[in-house]
Amino acid sequence: MLVDFDYLITKKKLEEDEDFVDVVNPSTRTETSTLGECDMHNLKRGDVIQLERKGNYRCDAPLVRLSNPIVLFAIPDGKQQTVAK
């Protein structure tokens, strides 16, 4: 499972009269089920891997049993678009 995170707020800068709650992003976590190579079962928590055409990911939950998938957290590379205006 690949896990990507988005910005917590939807604006670059809050105005003094703006309420913080109004600019909180309601959906900051995106999970995507995927298939990977069989060698991925050797990953340990904290290992960093690069997925071709996808980016770098850190193993958050290694494979313990088949019913619990490997969880990989995306590592930001600085190329993501900035927050909306």
Protein backbone atom coordinates (compact mmCIF):
# COMPACT_ATOMS: atom_id res chain seq x y z
CA MET A 1 0.00 0.00 0.00
CA LEU A 2 1.39 3.40 -1.01
CA VAL A 3 0.53 6.33 1.24
CA ASP A 4 0.87 9.92 -0.01
CA PHE A 5 0.31 13.03 2.07
CA ASP A 6 -0.93 16.47 1.01
CA TYR A 7 -0.69 19.89 2.65
CA LEU A 8 -2.58 20.43 5.91
CA ILE A 9 -3.88 23.84 4.86
CA THR A 10 -5.12 25.03 1.46
CA LYS A 11 -3.52 28.50 1.45
CA LYS A 12 0.06 29.74 1.52
CA LYS A 13 -0.63 32.51 3.99
CA LEU A 14 -3.49 33.09 6.40
CA GLU A 15 -4.89 36.58 6.82
CA GLU A 16 -5.35 37.92 10.36
CA ASP A 17 -9.15 37.82 10.13
CA GLU A 18 -9.28 34.30 8.64
CA ASP A 19 -10.34 31.32 10.70
CA PHE A 20 -7.80 28.49 10.57
CA VAL A 21 -10.57 25.87 10.43
CA ASP A 22 -11.82 27.29 7.10
CA VAL A 23 -8.54 26.49 5.31
CA VAL A 24 -7.82 23.03 6.74
CA ASN A 25 -7.55 20.41 4.01
CA PRO A 26 -10.18 17.72 4.71
CA SER A 27 -8.25 15.01 2.86
CA THR A 28 -4.50 14.98 3.46
CA ARG A 29 -3.85 11.23 3.22
CA THR A 30 -4.23 9.14 0.05
CA GLU A 31 -3.82 5.36 0.07
CA THR A 32 -3.26 3.33 -3.10
CA SER A 33 -3.22 -0.46 -3.25
CA THR A 34 -0.44 -1.73 -5.52
CA LEU A 35 1.49 -4.83 -6.46
CA GLY A 36 5.27 -5.05 -6.12
CA GLU A 37 8.20 -7.35 -6.70
CA CYS A 38 8.54 -10.44 -4.52
CA ASP A 39 11.81 -9.09 -3.04
CA MET A 40 9.82 -6.38 -1.26
CA HIS A 41 8.95 -8.91 1.45
CA ASN A 42 12.53 -8.36 2.75
CA LEU A 43 11.87 -4.68 3.56
CA LYS A 44 12.28 -3.62 7.18
CA ARG A 45 10.68 -0.64 8.91
CA GLY A 46 12.61 2.51 7.95
CA ASP A 47 14.08 1.14 4.71
CA VAL A 48 13.93 3.61 1.80
CA ILE A 49 13.29 2.40 -1.74
CA GLN A 50 12.69 4.04 -5.10
CA LEU A 51 9.71 2.92 -7.14
CA GLU A 52 10.23 3.44 -10.85
CA ARG A 53 8.25 6.41 -12.23
CA LYS A 54 6.67 6.96 -8.80
CA GLY A 55 9.29 8.28 -6.37
CA ASN A 56 10.98 7.41 -3.09
CA TYR A 57 9.14 5.69 -0.26
CA ARG A 58 9.95 4.73 3.33
CA CYS A 59 8.72 1.42 4.68
CA ASP A 60 6.41 2.13 7.62
CA ALA A 61 4.99 -1.37 8.08
CA PRO A 62 6.90 -4.39 6.73
CA LEU A 63 5.25 -7.61 5.65
CA VAL A 64 4.41 -9.67 8.74
CA ARG A 65 1.68 -11.84 7.25
CA LEU A 66 -0.12 -11.83 3.91
CA SER A 67 -3.29 -10.35 5.41
CA ASN A 68 -1.39 -7.16 6.39
CA PRO A 69 0.14 -5.43 3.35
CA ILE A 70 3.44 -3.55 3.32
CA VAL A 71 2.85 0.17 3.97
CA LEU A 72 5.13 2.64 2.17
CA PHE A 73 5.06 6.38 2.96
CA ALA A 74 5.95 8.81 0.17
CA ILE A 75 9.05 10.97 0.69
CA PRO A 76 8.55 14.48 -0.74
CA ASP A 77 11.09 15.38 -3.42
CA GLY A 78 10.41 19.11 -3.64
CA LYS A 79 8.84 18.88 -7.10
CA GLN A 80 5.24 18.92 -5.83
CA GLN A 81 3.15 21.94 -6.74
CA THR A 82 2.85 24.59 -4.07
CA VAL A 83 -0.25 25.22 -2.00
CA ALA A 84 -3.15 27.00 -3.68
CA LYS A 85 -3.22 30.80 -3.44
